C-alpha cells in the first residue's frame, strides 16, 4: 500500500474548475452527495488541446443524467481524463460540489463520486490524526484524502454505497470503484482507444459515436432473463458494468479488473443467542449509520418486519432529538375492493401500517396510485432504467418516489432482507432445491407466451438462461463442511444476492434518483451480508419460522404481532380495469406498422392470451409479475426499442 502523508497542519493546494449551480453561476469548490457521475479516459488523447469540444461532451453527459443530481453540476478536464458530476445535495450543502480536486505534496487527484459513506465521521477523525487537512465536511473529501494517504486500498475502509471515479494525475491512472453489493450503478464501454463511463446507460450514449445496439445476447437478456440482467453486462452490445466489489484500473493502454471484496464461506461458531445478539447490533448500527444527513430523513413503511424495524430504530433516534419521523406507505386505488389473498400476498398492509405508525409516533402519509398514473409511469420507468424493467412493480415505485420527494429528499427502506435472511418462498420449496434454474423464473414457456415462433427458434433463450445460472452456481463460495442440502442452500442464496437482489437494488436506485430522492438500504450493509452468509439455516429459520433470526433480533423494538406477521411482499394492483387497458394498448401498438414490437410478438398468441383469464398465482418472474405484467413488459419493450432507436442485430 502506498502511503503519502502530509505534514500535520500543512496547507493543501486547491484547483479551480468550471462549476455551475442551478442559475449557471461559477462557484467555489467544496463537496457532494447522491448524484450521477460520468467521464472518459485515454492515454493517447490530449483533451486539453481541444478543451471546448471535450467540455461540451462532459456537459452533454451531465445533461443526460441531470435527474440524478438536480441541484448542481460540475466538470473537470485534464490531459487524459475528463470527469463530470451532477449533484443531489444531502451533506455539506454549501461546500459539497464536485468533481473535487486536492493537491498534496505535488500529487494532484480528482474525484467524482455518487453515493454515501456512512462511516465518514470515524474515517475523517482517523485521517485527521494522520495529518490530513479538510476543507469541507463531505464524504467525498474523505475518499480523496484517504486515497492520498493510503492509495487504492483505502476503498476497503469505506462502509457505504458508492460509484467512484478517481483520477490520479501524477500516476496518470483512472480508478473506477463500485460498492460491495452494487447499490450504486456504474457502466462503461470502449470507443476506440477511449474508455467511457457513466452512472446510467443514457450517460454512456451521450458520448459521440456510442450507439444503442442489441444483438442476440441482448435479446436473450431481455426475453430470457429480464427484468433481471447478467451482472457485469449492460445489455447493449459493447457496454459493461463495473462489478460490485470491484475496481477498474485504467492506465496507459490497459484496463485491469480487480476484485477488492467477495464473500467467503467458513464455519459459523456463534451460538444462536450470540447470533441473535450480533444480528440485532448489526441491524441497529447499520440503520443509525445510514441516518447520516444534513437534511430530514424519512422511511418507507409497509407494516412488514423489515421496514418496521428500520422505522422503529429511526423513530427512536429522532425522538431523542425531539424530532418526528416522516413515514410513507404505498397502495393502489380500490385495492380494498379488488384484493384477492393468495400464497404470495396473504393480507393487505394498511392495518399493519396503522399499528406501526401509532406505535412509533411517526408523521405518516398514505400514498395511492391509480390506473392512469400506473400506466403512464410504465414508460417513465423505462426512461429511468434505460431498459424494460419490472413493469408496474417498478412504475408504481417511480410514482411513489415522485410523491415522497415533495416532503423528504432522503429515505430509508427495508429492501434486501428477504435475500439476506431467506424470506422468499423459493428458499423453502423442495422444487427450488431440485431444479437447476433461477427459482424466481424457471418457466421459459411463460416467457415465450407472446413471442413469434421464428424468434423463439432464433434465440437460444433456454441455453442462455441455463449458462447464466450455471456460471453463478459455479462461482458460489464453497465450504467443505456443508451438507449437500446446506451447499444447495448456499447456491440459492448466492443466486439471490447476485441476481434478484441486484434487480431490486437497480429498481430502487433508478426510481428514487429519477425523482431526486436518495433511497438507502441499511439491511444491505455489507457487514450484515458477510455475517449472515455463514449463519446456518437452522438459525436463520429457527423451527421453520421464515426470517426467524431477523424477528428474534427485533425483539423489544416492535410489537410481537408485527414482528411475527406473515410475510407479504410489495403490493400490486388487482384492479381488473388495469389489465383490460394494458391489453387494449398492446392491441393498438400491434396495429401500428411502425411499432418495433410487431416483429417480435405473434398476434394470434396475443389474442389467445387476452382471452384467457390471468393466473395471478403463477408469476413468470418473482412473486408479482403474472399476466398483466407480461402485457406491461411488452409495452415497455416496444417503447424502449422505439425511444432509443435501437438497432437489432441477429
Foldseek 3Di string as FASTA:
>chain_A
DDFDFFAAPDDWDFDAFAWQWLVGDGDDAAAAEAWKKKKKFFPPAQCVVPVVVRVVLLVLLCVLQCLLAVTIKGWDDGGTMIMIIHGQDWFQNRRRDDQTWIAGPRKIKTKHKHWAFLCQVVLVVVLSVRRDDDPTSGSNVSVVSQCNGPNPLSVVVTFIFMWMWMATVVQRKIKTAGAALRLFWKKWFDDDQMIIMMSAPSSVVSHPPDAFAAELLLVLQQQQPPPWGFAQCPSGPRMGTQHHQWMWMDHHRDTDIGRNDDAAADADDDDLVVLLQVLLVLLLVLLVSVCDTPFAEAAEDQLAQLRLLSLLSVLVVVVVVVDAHEYEYEDAPCCVVQPDADPQANDHRVVSSVVSCVVSVHNYDYDYDYLVQLLVLQQVLCSLRVAQHQRSVLSRLLVVLLVCVVPPQEYEYRPPLCLLLVQAPLLPDPVNLVDQFQPQADDSCQSCLFWDPVSPVVHPNVVSRSVSSVVQLVVQHDDPPDDSVQNSSSSNSSCCSSIVSNSVSSSVSRSNSSNSHHYHHSCVRVVSSNNSSHDGPCSSQPPNQRSVSSLSSCPPSDPNCSSRPRDHDRDDGSDPVSLVVLLVVVVVLCVDPPQPCVNTGDVVSSVVLSVDDKDQCDANGHNGHTSSSSSSSSVNNRSSCVVSVYHYHD
